[in-house]
């Protein structure tokens, strides 16, 4: 599909911050205002002092306060049509895979293969796509993240007040998260709590890796066996903390990495499963359970396992 785009140079803008954007980081505010501008460019204009808050220089991590006046300089913006920016499969998902929505937030059954936000070499992710497809919603921010190849329940706030309260629930361990994963090999245990501290690292190739290290941050995952197959084990994984790649690394420490995990798994094992149709990481965020931040109602939201993963499981020889 051809990309229709042209560049414009808007005038200097002076934007007064309202309660809707209070407590939002400056970089996230600018990303939502300057659609089509690369993140690297946004960070550069802040670093150079072209963006000012109340006439002063600030860092990208500065949290905005209601009443702040933000100066946004003229920026070359690549304008793109919705069709050229949001993949059709993602647009379909926005229409068909909303598990819950009210005026405060929504929960999407995120498809695998899409990052939650754009980044280096990626024009857009879930949140950028949502902002384009749903321009009627003034505020849209991720409450938490899922890996690109992970499917399932993803929380997106529609109000700044809801985002703050949901962040508090996550910080206070008031959100119960349940994942389903297929581990390579037969796991003999029925249940195990893995408490292994995790530290972010960078491999020689520049790929972001997470390793078990006593100098890392506390991390805990509860694994429960659901089904035992000939050469794989279906488990339920409940992370009690929210570290990057936590379930994937903890599964690997068991000696049973997640099927399809190209970063922490085993190449020869992944090749075998790929030949049987397993084309992606077999990790799915199945359930979220928490109190509604406004009404206090206890919500339990479940995302069904993608059909192709369910079909693959049905073909496995169960013990």
Protein backbone atom coordinates (compact mmCIF):
# COMPACT_ATOMS: atom_id res chain seq x y z
CA UNK A 1 0.00 0.00 0.00
CA UNK A 2 1.42 3.37 -0.94
CA UNK A 3 2.00 5.91 1.79
CA UNK A 4 0.41 9.29 1.30
CA UNK A 5 2.31 11.90 3.23
CA UNK A 6 3.41 15.49 3.11
CA UNK A 7 5.16 17.81 5.50
CA UNK A 8 3.90 20.92 7.19
CA UNK A 9 5.60 23.31 9.58
CA UNK A 10 3.10 24.51 12.20
CA UNK A 11 3.54 27.79 14.07
CA UNK A 12 4.76 27.96 17.64
CA UNK A 13 2.05 26.60 19.94
CA UNK A 14 1.43 27.59 23.55
CA UNK A 15 -0.67 24.93 25.25
CA UNK A 16 -2.14 25.27 28.74
CA UNK A 17 -2.22 21.98 30.62
CA UNK A 18 -5.61 20.91 31.98
CA UNK A 19 -6.50 18.27 34.56
CA UNK A 20 -6.77 15.74 31.70
CA UNK A 21 -3.00 15.91 31.21
CA UNK A 22 -1.93 16.69 34.76
CA UNK A 23 0.83 14.35 36.00
CA UNK A 24 1.59 13.16 32.45
CA UNK A 25 5.25 13.00 31.45
CA UNK A 26 6.31 15.71 29.02
CA UNK A 27 7.57 13.24 26.40
CA UNK A 28 4.28 11.31 26.37
CA UNK A 29 2.33 14.55 26.11
CA UNK A 30 4.41 15.68 23.12
CA UNK A 31 4.15 12.28 21.41
CA UNK A 32 0.36 12.49 21.61
CA UNK A 33 0.35 16.09 20.30
CA UNK A 34 2.92 15.69 17.52
CA UNK A 35 1.56 12.66 15.70
CA UNK A 36 3.91 11.60 12.92
CA UNK A 37 7.00 13.12 14.51
CA UNK A 38 9.72 10.52 15.33
CA UNK A 39 10.41 10.08 19.02
CA UNK A 40 14.08 10.83 18.42
CA UNK A 41 13.12 14.25 17.05
CA UNK A 42 10.86 14.96 20.03
CA UNK A 43 13.61 14.10 22.51
CA UNK A 44 16.05 16.25 20.56
CA UNK A 45 13.90 19.40 20.61
CA UNK A 46 13.39 19.02 24.35
CA UNK A 47 17.10 18.46 24.93
CA UNK A 48 17.97 21.57 22.88
CA UNK A 49 15.55 23.68 24.91
CA UNK A 50 13.14 24.33 22.04
CA UNK A 51 10.31 23.01 24.20
CA UNK A 52 9.70 25.16 27.26
CA UNK A 53 7.40 24.80 30.26
CA UNK A 54 6.48 28.09 31.91
CA UNK A 55 9.33 29.67 29.87
CA UNK A 56 11.90 27.35 31.39
CA UNK A 57 13.87 24.33 30.16
CA UNK A 58 12.76 20.94 31.50
CA UNK A 59 13.66 17.29 31.11
CA UNK A 60 11.50 14.85 29.10
CA UNK A 61 10.64 13.13 32.38
CA UNK A 62 9.07 16.29 33.80
CA UNK A 63 5.51 15.64 34.97
CA UNK A 64 3.08 18.28 33.86
CA UNK A 65 0.86 20.21 36.30
CA UNK A 66 -2.52 21.75 35.55
CA UNK A 67 -1.91 25.37 34.57
CA UNK A 68 1.54 24.78 33.06
CA UNK A 69 2.11 26.57 29.75
CA UNK A 70 4.01 24.38 27.27
CA UNK A 71 5.76 26.02 24.32
CA UNK A 72 5.87 23.66 21.34
CA UNK A 73 8.20 24.88 18.56
CA UNK A 74 7.58 24.63 14.79
CA UNK A 75 8.18 20.97 13.88
CA UNK A 76 8.16 19.28 10.50
CA UNK A 77 5.34 16.74 10.71
CA UNK A 78 4.86 13.83 8.35
CA UNK A 79 1.11 13.57 7.84
CA UNK A 80 -0.08 10.11 6.90
CA UNK A 81 -3.46 8.69 6.16
CA UNK A 82 -4.94 6.26 8.66
CA UNK A 83 -4.84 3.51 6.02
CA UNK A 84 -1.10 3.85 5.49
CA UNK A 85 -0.29 4.02 9.21
CA UNK A 86 -2.42 1.36 10.88
CA UNK A 87 -2.20 -2.22 9.64
CA UNK A 88 -5.55 -3.68 8.60
CA UNK A 89 -5.19 -6.57 11.04
CA UNK A 90 -4.71 -4.13 13.86
CA UNK A 91 -7.72 -2.04 12.83
CA UNK A 92 -9.81 -5.22 12.73
CA UNK A 93 -8.64 -6.06 16.23
CA UNK A 94 -9.68 -2.62 17.50
CA UNK A 95 -13.17 -3.36 16.20
CA UNK A 96 -13.55 -7.01 17.22
CA UNK A 97 -11.33 -7.62 20.24
CA UNK A 98 -12.46 -5.07 22.85
CA UNK A 99 -13.18 -7.12 25.96
CA UNK A 100 -14.40 -4.25 28.13
CA UNK A 101 -14.93 -0.52 27.66
CA UNK A 102 -16.47 2.31 29.64
CA UNK A 103 -15.73 6.03 29.97
CA UNK A 104 -12.62 5.40 32.12
CA UNK A 105 -10.67 2.67 30.32
CA UNK A 106 -10.84 -0.22 27.91
CA UNK A 107 -9.31 -3.70 27.75
CA UNK A 108 -8.13 -5.05 24.41
CA UNK A 109 -7.45 -8.69 23.59
CA UNK A 110 -4.12 -7.71 22.05
CA UNK A 111 -3.09 -9.69 18.96
CA UNK A 112 0.42 -11.15 18.89
CA UNK A 113 2.98 -9.57 16.58
CA UNK A 114 2.21 -5.93 17.38
CA UNK A 115 4.24 -3.83 19.85
CA UNK A 116 2.24 -1.87 22.39
CA UNK A 117 3.97 1.32 21.24
CA UNK A 118 6.11 2.45 18.32
CA UNK A 119 9.87 2.49 18.61
CA UNK A 120 13.04 2.28 16.61
CA UNK A 121 12.17 1.11 13.11
CA UNK A 122 8.48 0.81 14.02
CA UNK A 123 6.13 3.50 12.76
CA UNK A 124 3.33 2.72 15.18
CA UNK A 125 2.12 0.29 17.78
CA UNK A 126 -1.13 -0.47 19.58
CA UNK A 127 -1.44 2.89 21.33
CA UNK A 128 -0.52 5.02 18.30
CA UNK A 129 -2.92 3.03 16.13
CA UNK A 130 -5.73 3.42 18.64
CA UNK A 131 -5.25 7.20 18.72
CA UNK A 132 -5.62 7.33 14.95
CA UNK A 133 -8.59 4.97 14.68
CA UNK A 134 -10.43 6.51 17.68
CA UNK A 135 -9.81 10.27 17.34
CA UNK A 136 -13.02 10.87 19.33
CA UNK A 137 -11.18 9.79 22.50
CA UNK A 138 -9.10 12.76 23.69
CA UNK A 139 -6.92 10.76 26.08
CA UNK A 140 -5.48 7.29 25.48
CA UNK A 141 -2.52 5.91 27.44
CA UNK A 142 -1.15 2.43 28.17
CA UNK A 143 -1.64 1.33 31.77
CA UNK A 144 0.89 -1.51 31.45
CA UNK A 145 2.76 -3.33 28.70
CA UNK A 146 2.83 -6.71 26.98
CA UNK A 147 5.70 -8.01 24.86
CA UNK A 148 5.26 -7.70 21.11
CA UNK A 149 4.75 -11.46 20.65
CA UNK A 150 2.44 -11.86 23.66
CA UNK A 151 -1.34 -11.79 23.14
CA UNK A 152 -4.15 -11.13 25.59
CA UNK A 153 -5.52 -8.59 28.07
CA UNK A 154 -4.10 -5.08 27.66
CA UNK A 155 -5.40 -2.15 29.73
CA UNK A 156 -5.65 1.28 28.12
CA UNK A 157 -6.80 4.33 30.11
CA UNK A 158 -9.20 6.87 28.61
CA UNK A 159 -8.83 9.41 31.42
CA UNK A 160 -5.81 10.74 33.30
CA UNK A 161 -7.59 10.14 36.63
CA UNK A 162 -8.24 6.50 35.71
CA UNK A 163 -4.61 6.05 34.65
CA UNK A 164 -3.37 7.30 38.02
CA UNK A 165 -5.71 5.01 39.97
CA UNK A 166 -4.92 1.98 37.81
CA UNK A 167 -1.19 2.63 38.23
CA UNK A 168 -1.77 2.67 42.00
CA UNK A 169 -3.53 -0.71 41.80
CA UNK A 170 -0.60 -2.19 39.88
CA UNK A 171 1.94 -0.68 42.29
CA UNK A 172 0.05 -2.02 45.31
CA UNK A 173 -0.28 -5.54 43.81
CA UNK A 174 -4.06 -5.15 43.60
CA UNK A 175 -4.23 -6.46 40.02
CA UNK A 176 -4.21 -10.25 39.63
CA UNK A 177 -2.69 -11.24 36.27
CA UNK A 178 -2.95 -14.74 34.86
CA UNK A 179 -1.10 -15.98 31.79
CA UNK A 180 -1.19 -19.26 29.88
CA UNK A 181 2.08 -20.58 28.49
CA UNK A 182 3.28 -23.74 26.79
CA UNK A 183 6.62 -24.89 28.16
CA UNK A 184 9.03 -27.10 26.27
CA UNK A 185 9.42 -30.59 27.77
CA UNK A 186 7.52 -32.33 30.55
CA UNK A 187 7.49 -30.32 33.75
CA UNK A 188 7.26 -32.74 36.65
CA UNK A 189 5.96 -30.30 39.25
CA UNK A 190 2.31 -29.40 39.74
CA UNK A 191 3.02 -26.01 41.28
CA UNK A 192 6.11 -23.94 42.00
CA UNK A 193 6.82 -20.40 43.15
CA UNK A 194 9.88 -19.00 41.37
CA UNK A 195 11.55 -16.17 43.27
CA UNK A 196 14.56 -15.14 41.23
CA UNK A 197 15.67 -11.49 41.09
CA UNK A 198 15.94 -10.10 37.57
CA UNK A 199 18.31 -7.57 36.09
CA UNK A 200 18.12 -5.91 32.69
CA UNK A 201 21.22 -6.44 30.63
CA UNK A 202 22.41 -5.97 27.06
CA UNK A 203 23.95 -8.76 25.03
CA UNK A 204 26.95 -8.30 22.77
CA UNK A 205 24.68 -8.02 19.77
CA UNK A 206 22.83 -5.12 21.35
CA UNK A 207 19.70 -7.18 22.02
CA UNK A 208 18.00 -6.37 25.31
CA UNK A 209 18.24 -9.31 27.67
CA UNK A 210 17.09 -9.94 31.22
CA UNK A 211 19.14 -12.20 33.46
CA UNK A 212 18.76 -13.75 36.90
CA UNK A 213 21.06 -11.83 39.24
CA UNK A 214 21.23 -11.31 42.98
CA UNK A 215 21.84 -7.63 42.28
CA UNK A 216 18.62 -7.42 40.26
CA UNK A 217 15.10 -6.48 41.30
CA UNK A 218 12.84 -8.83 43.27
CA UNK A 219 10.62 -10.94 41.00
CA UNK A 220 8.13 -13.71 41.77
CA UNK A 221 6.03 -15.93 39.51
CA UNK A 222 3.68 -18.76 40.49
CA UNK A 223 3.55 -21.62 37.96
CA UNK A 224 0.72 -24.18 38.00
CA UNK A 225 0.59 -27.17 35.67
CA UNK A 226 -2.61 -27.44 33.62
CA UNK A 227 -1.91 -30.23 31.11
CA UNK A 228 0.97 -32.57 30.40
CA UNK A 229 1.76 -33.47 26.78
CA UNK A 230 4.28 -35.80 25.14
CA UNK A 231 7.01 -33.15 24.92
CA UNK A 232 5.39 -30.00 26.34
CA UNK A 233 3.54 -28.73 29.40
CA UNK A 234 0.69 -26.23 29.49
CA UNK A 235 0.95 -24.01 32.57
CA UNK A 236 -0.75 -21.09 34.23
CA UNK A 237 1.70 -18.35 35.22
CA UNK A 238 0.77 -15.67 37.74
CA UNK A 239 3.41 -12.94 38.11
CA UNK A 240 3.34 -11.23 41.50
CA UNK A 241 5.71 -8.55 40.25
CA UNK A 242 5.87 -6.91 36.84
CA UNK A 243 9.47 -7.13 35.64
CA UNK A 244 10.43 -7.05 31.98
CA UNK A 245 10.29 -10.55 30.40
CA UNK A 246 9.64 -11.98 33.88
CA UNK A 247 7.59 -15.07 32.96
CA UNK A 248 9.88 -15.88 30.02
CA UNK A 249 13.07 -15.75 32.10
CA UNK A 250 11.56 -17.59 35.08
CA UNK A 251 10.30 -20.35 32.77
CA UNK A 252 13.77 -20.70 31.30
CA UNK A 253 15.24 -21.03 34.82
CA UNK A 254 12.98 -24.06 35.32
CA UNK A 255 14.77 -25.69 32.39
CA UNK A 256 11.51 -25.49 30.42
CA UNK A 257 11.50 -22.29 28.33
CA UNK A 258 8.34 -21.12 26.63
CA UNK A 259 7.76 -22.66 23.21
CA UNK A 260 8.64 -20.17 20.48
CA UNK A 261 10.79 -17.95 22.70
CA UNK A 262 13.63 -16.97 20.39
CA UNK A 263 15.38 -14.91 23.04
CA UNK A 264 15.40 -17.19 26.09
CA UNK A 265 14.46 -20.53 24.51
CA UNK A 266 16.34 -23.33 22.77
CA UNK A 267 16.89 -23.04 19.01
CA UNK A 268 16.66 -26.78 18.29
CA UNK A 269 13.47 -27.13 20.37
CA UNK A 270 11.90 -24.09 18.70
CA UNK A 271 12.67 -25.55 15.25
CA UNK A 272 10.85 -28.75 16.14
CA UNK A 273 7.75 -26.92 17.36
CA UNK A 274 7.83 -24.50 14.42
CA UNK A 275 7.67 -27.46 12.05
CA UNK A 276 4.45 -28.45 13.83
CA UNK A 277 2.86 -25.02 13.32
CA UNK A 278 4.04 -23.05 16.37
CA UNK A 279 5.01 -19.79 14.67
CA UNK A 280 4.97 -17.47 17.69
CA UNK A 281 5.77 -17.21 21.38
CA UNK A 282 3.19 -19.32 23.22
CA UNK A 283 2.41 -16.77 25.94
CA UNK A 284 -1.09 -15.35 26.42
CA UNK A 285 -2.34 -12.86 29.03
CA UNK A 286 -5.55 -14.72 29.81
CA UNK A 287 -7.08 -12.86 32.76
CA UNK A 288 -7.09 -9.60 34.72
CA UNK A 289 -8.87 -9.28 38.05
CA UNK A 290 -9.08 -5.95 39.89
CA UNK A 291 -11.45 -3.41 41.42
CA UNK A 292 -12.84 -0.81 39.05
CA UNK A 293 -10.98 2.43 39.88
CA UNK A 294 -14.19 4.48 39.89
CA UNK A 295 -17.07 2.19 40.92
CA UNK A 296 -15.12 -0.22 43.12
CA UNK A 297 -16.78 -3.17 41.35
CA UNK A 298 -14.66 -6.32 41.20
CA UNK A 299 -13.91 -7.01 37.53
CA UNK A 300 -12.68 -10.28 36.08
CA UNK A 301 -11.86 -9.95 32.39
CA UNK A 302 -10.85 -13.03 30.38
CA UNK A 303 -9.33 -13.21 26.91
CA UNK A 304 -9.84 -16.51 25.11
CA UNK A 305 -6.74 -18.26 23.79
CA UNK A 306 -6.25 -17.39 20.10
CA UNK A 307 -7.92 -20.00 17.91
CA UNK A 308 -4.74 -21.12 16.16
CA UNK A 309 -3.04 -21.82 19.51
CA UNK A 310 -6.08 -23.70 20.75
CA UNK A 311 -6.10 -25.78 17.54
CA UNK A 312 -2.41 -26.64 18.00
CA UNK A 313 -3.03 -27.81 21.57
CA UNK A 314 -5.85 -30.06 20.45
CA UNK A 315 -3.44 -31.87 18.13
CA UNK A 316 -0.94 -32.55 20.91
CA UNK A 317 -0.83 -35.99 22.45
CA UNK A 318 -1.98 -35.54 26.03
CA UNK A 319 -0.48 -37.77 28.72
